[in-house]
Amino acid sequence: MVTWHTADTARAEWKDAPATDELNDLLATAKIECIEFATSKPYEEFDEPAGGIRPGWRIAQLLQARAIWTFKQTGPQDTIGYEGGGVRVYPMDANIRARLRPLRPVPGVG
């Protein structure tokens, strides 16, 4: 059964992860974003499957947590708005989106 990452499991794959409290926040945020993108419904309405989640979702959660952490470290060049008071933007990478919603080939016509 595949489950969402915890601070311990994430740290095993992400050696330079931030302190545990911040890592828990990053993982929780990434989980919410992944669920809402993958299922197209609010996080509050998501029912965890009895058999666990898809393995790609677990990978996407860690990738998204790392992406958020990286964006937090980059400074003001990733903001929108007036100087010194803009809103920070955290886009979901195409690689992460592909883990959550894999493209399925469409049968071609002759």
C-alpha atoms as a PDB file:
ATOM      1  CA  MET A   1       0.000   0.000   0.000  1.00  0.00           C
ATOM      2  CA  VAL A   2       1.377   3.395  -1.011  1.00  0.00           C
ATOM      3  CA  THR A   3       0.823   6.278   1.417  1.00  0.00           C
ATOM      4  CA  TRP A   4       1.637   9.988   1.438  1.00  0.00           C
ATOM      5  CA  HIS A   5       5.075  11.073   2.576  1.00  0.00           C
ATOM      6  CA  THR A   6       5.805  11.892   6.202  1.00  0.00           C
ATOM      7  CA  ALA A   7       8.803  13.908   7.398  1.00  0.00           C
ATOM      8  CA  ASP A   8      10.703  10.650   8.028  1.00  0.00           C
ATOM      9  CA  THR A   9      10.018   9.090   4.632  1.00  0.00           C
ATOM     10  CA  ALA A  10      10.677  12.366   2.818  1.00  0.00           C
ATOM     11  CA  ARG A  11      13.971  12.878   4.658  1.00  0.00           C
ATOM     12  CA  ALA A  12      15.087   9.401   3.545  1.00  0.00           C
ATOM     13  CA  GLU A  13      14.804  10.573  -0.090  1.00  0.00           C
ATOM     14  CA  TRP A  14      15.679  14.266   0.421  1.00  0.00           C
ATOM     15  CA  LYS A  15      18.925  14.427   2.367  1.00  0.00           C
ATOM     16  CA  ASP A  16      19.105  18.240   2.691  1.00  0.00           C
ATOM     17  CA  ALA A  17      15.438  18.687   3.621  1.00  0.00           C
ATOM     18  CA  PRO A  18      14.580  21.578   5.954  1.00  0.00           C
ATOM     19  CA  ALA A  19      13.866  21.225   9.672  1.00  0.00           C
ATOM     20  CA  THR A  20      11.023  18.862  10.573  1.00  0.00           C
ATOM     21  CA  ASP A  21       8.385  21.539  11.343  1.00  0.00           C
ATOM     22  CA  GLU A  22       8.958  23.282   8.029  1.00  0.00           C
ATOM     23  CA  LEU A  23       9.173  19.956   6.193  1.00  0.00           C
ATOM     24  CA  ASN A  24       5.789  18.928   7.633  1.00  0.00           C
ATOM     25  CA  ASP A  25       4.294  22.213   6.387  1.00  0.00           C
ATOM     26  CA  LEU A  26       5.811  21.728   2.923  1.00  0.00           C
ATOM     27  CA  LEU A  27       4.535  18.157   2.693  1.00  0.00           C
ATOM     28  CA  ALA A  28       1.037  19.128   3.843  1.00  0.00           C
ATOM     29  CA  THR A  29       0.878  21.988   1.338  1.00  0.00           C
ATOM     30  CA  ALA A  30       2.171  19.786  -1.470  1.00  0.00           C
ATOM     31  CA  LYS A  31      -0.340  17.064  -0.597  1.00  0.00           C
ATOM     32  CA  ILE A  32      -3.255  19.503  -0.791  1.00  0.00           C
ATOM     33  CA  GLU A  33      -2.036  20.920  -4.113  1.00  0.00           C
ATOM     34  CA  CYS A  34      -1.511  17.441  -5.563  1.00  0.00           C
ATOM     35  CA  ILE A  35      -4.946  16.207  -4.513  1.00  0.00           C
ATOM     36  CA  GLU A  36      -6.709  19.264  -5.903  1.00  0.00           C
ATOM     37  CA  PHE A  37      -4.852  19.027  -9.205  1.00  0.00           C
ATOM     38  CA  ALA A  38      -5.182  15.250  -9.574  1.00  0.00           C
ATOM     39  CA  THR A  39      -8.845  14.980  -8.646  1.00  0.00           C
ATOM     40  CA  SER A  40     -10.199  18.378  -9.744  1.00  0.00           C
ATOM     41  CA  LYS A  41     -12.102  18.671  -6.482  1.00  0.00           C
ATOM     42  CA  PRO A  42     -11.433  20.456  -3.189  1.00  0.00           C
ATOM     43  CA  TYR A  43      -9.069  18.780  -0.734  1.00  0.00           C
ATOM     44  CA  GLU A  44     -11.843  18.638   1.865  1.00  0.00           C
ATOM     45  CA  GLU A  45     -13.906  16.382  -0.422  1.00  0.00           C
ATOM     46  CA  PHE A  46     -11.095  13.917  -1.127  1.00  0.00           C
ATOM     47  CA  ASP A  47     -11.628  10.424   0.252  1.00  0.00           C
ATOM     48  CA  GLU A  48      -8.398   8.484   0.610  1.00  0.00           C
ATOM     49  CA  PRO A  49      -8.690   5.196  -1.339  1.00  0.00           C
ATOM     50  CA  ALA A  50      -8.758   2.130   0.930  1.00  0.00           C
ATOM     51  CA  GLY A  51      -5.861   0.552  -0.944  1.00  0.00           C
ATOM     52  CA  GLY A  52      -3.686   3.650  -0.746  1.00  0.00           C
ATOM     53  CA  ILE A  53      -2.771   6.290  -3.284  1.00  0.00           C
ATOM     54  CA  ARG A  54      -1.140   5.946  -6.677  1.00  0.00           C
ATOM     55  CA  PRO A  55       2.675   5.742  -6.499  1.00  0.00           C
ATOM     56  CA  GLY A  56       2.964   8.737  -8.836  1.00  0.00           C
ATOM     57  CA  TRP A  57       1.048  10.889  -6.361  1.00  0.00           C
ATOM     58  CA  ARG A  58       3.584  10.140  -3.635  1.00  0.00           C
ATOM     59  CA  ILE A  59       6.426  11.084  -5.982  1.00  0.00           C
ATOM     60  CA  ALA A  60       4.573  14.256  -7.016  1.00  0.00           C
ATOM     61  CA  GLN A  61       4.051  15.254  -3.370  1.00  0.00           C
ATOM     62  CA  LEU A  62       7.790  15.165  -2.653  1.00  0.00           C
ATOM     63  CA  LEU A  63       8.663  16.907  -5.921  1.00  0.00           C
ATOM     64  CA  GLN A  64       6.128  19.664  -5.190  1.00  0.00           C
ATOM     65  CA  ALA A  65       7.407  20.079  -1.610  1.00  0.00           C
ATOM     66  CA  ARG A  66      10.944  20.444  -2.956  1.00  0.00           C
ATOM     67  CA  ALA A  67       9.767  22.914  -5.595  1.00  0.00           C
ATOM     68  CA  ILE A  68       8.034  25.073  -2.984  1.00  0.00           C
ATOM     69  CA  TRP A  69      11.158  24.958  -0.799  1.00  0.00           C
ATOM     70  CA  THR A  70      13.342  25.993  -3.748  1.00  0.00           C
ATOM     71  CA  PHE A  71      11.009  28.863  -4.646  1.00  0.00           C
ATOM     72  CA  LYS A  72      11.084  30.050  -1.045  1.00  0.00           C
ATOM     73  CA  GLN A  73      14.872  30.290  -1.242  1.00  0.00           C
ATOM     74  CA  THR A  74      15.060  32.182  -4.548  1.00  0.00           C
ATOM     75  CA  GLY A  75      13.969  35.603  -3.357  1.00  0.00           C
ATOM     76  CA  PRO A  76      11.911  38.328  -5.025  1.00  0.00           C
ATOM     77  CA  GLN A  77      12.385  37.368  -8.676  1.00  0.00           C
ATOM     78  CA  ASP A  78       9.469  34.924  -8.443  1.00  0.00           C
ATOM     79  CA  THR A  79       6.889  37.461  -7.277  1.00  0.00           C
ATOM     80  CA  ILE A  80       4.024  39.256  -8.970  1.00  0.00           C
ATOM     81  CA  GLY A  81       2.993  42.723  -7.890  1.00  0.00           C
ATOM     82  CA  TYR A  82       4.563  45.971  -6.781  1.00  0.00           C
ATOM     83  CA  GLU A  83       8.185  46.034  -5.638  1.00  0.00           C
ATOM     84  CA  GLY A  84       8.705  44.879  -2.077  1.00  0.00           C
ATOM     85  CA  GLY A  85       5.099  43.768  -1.587  1.00  0.00           C
ATOM     86  CA  GLY A  86       4.290  41.318  -4.334  1.00  0.00           C
ATOM     87  CA  VAL A  87       2.644  37.945  -4.088  1.00  0.00           C
ATOM     88  CA  ARG A  88       4.939  34.951  -4.384  1.00  0.00           C
ATOM     89  CA  VAL A  89       4.015  32.492  -7.138  1.00  0.00           C
ATOM     90  CA  TYR A  90       4.500  28.705  -6.812  1.00  0.00           C
ATOM     91  CA  PRO A  91       3.749  27.068 -10.142  1.00  0.00           C
ATOM     92  CA  MET A  92       3.296  23.335 -10.376  1.00  0.00           C
ATOM     93  CA  ASP A  93       5.990  21.942 -12.638  1.00  0.00           C
ATOM     94  CA  ALA A  94       4.970  20.004 -15.754  1.00  0.00           C
ATOM     95  CA  ASN A  95       6.841  16.942 -14.465  1.00  0.00           C
ATOM     96  CA  ILE A  96       4.744  16.996 -11.287  1.00  0.00           C
ATOM     97  CA  ARG A  97       1.501  17.502 -13.217  1.00  0.00           C
ATOM     98  CA  ALA A  98       2.387  14.489 -15.381  1.00  0.00           C
ATOM     99  CA  ARG A  99       2.687  12.309 -12.259  1.00  0.00           C
ATOM    100  CA  LEU A 100      -0.760  13.398 -11.109  1.00  0.00           C
ATOM    101  CA  ARG A 101      -2.576  13.266 -14.449  1.00  0.00           C
ATOM    102  CA  PRO A 102      -0.653  11.027 -16.866  1.00  0.00           C
ATOM    103  CA  LEU A 103      -1.359  11.600 -20.523  1.00  0.00           C
ATOM    104  CA  ARG A 104      -3.162   8.715 -22.140  1.00  0.00           C
ATOM    105  CA  PRO A 105      -2.665   8.093 -25.824  1.00  0.00           C
ATOM    106  CA  VAL A 106      -5.666   8.782 -27.990  1.00  0.00           C
ATOM    107  CA  PRO A 107      -6.231   6.226 -30.740  1.00  0.00           C
ATOM    108  CA  GLY A 108      -5.454   7.718 -34.120  1.00  0.00           C
ATOM    109  CA  VAL A 109      -7.583   7.545 -37.197  1.00  0.00           C
ATOM    110  CA  GLY A 110      -6.214   5.471 -40.024  1.00  0.00           C
END
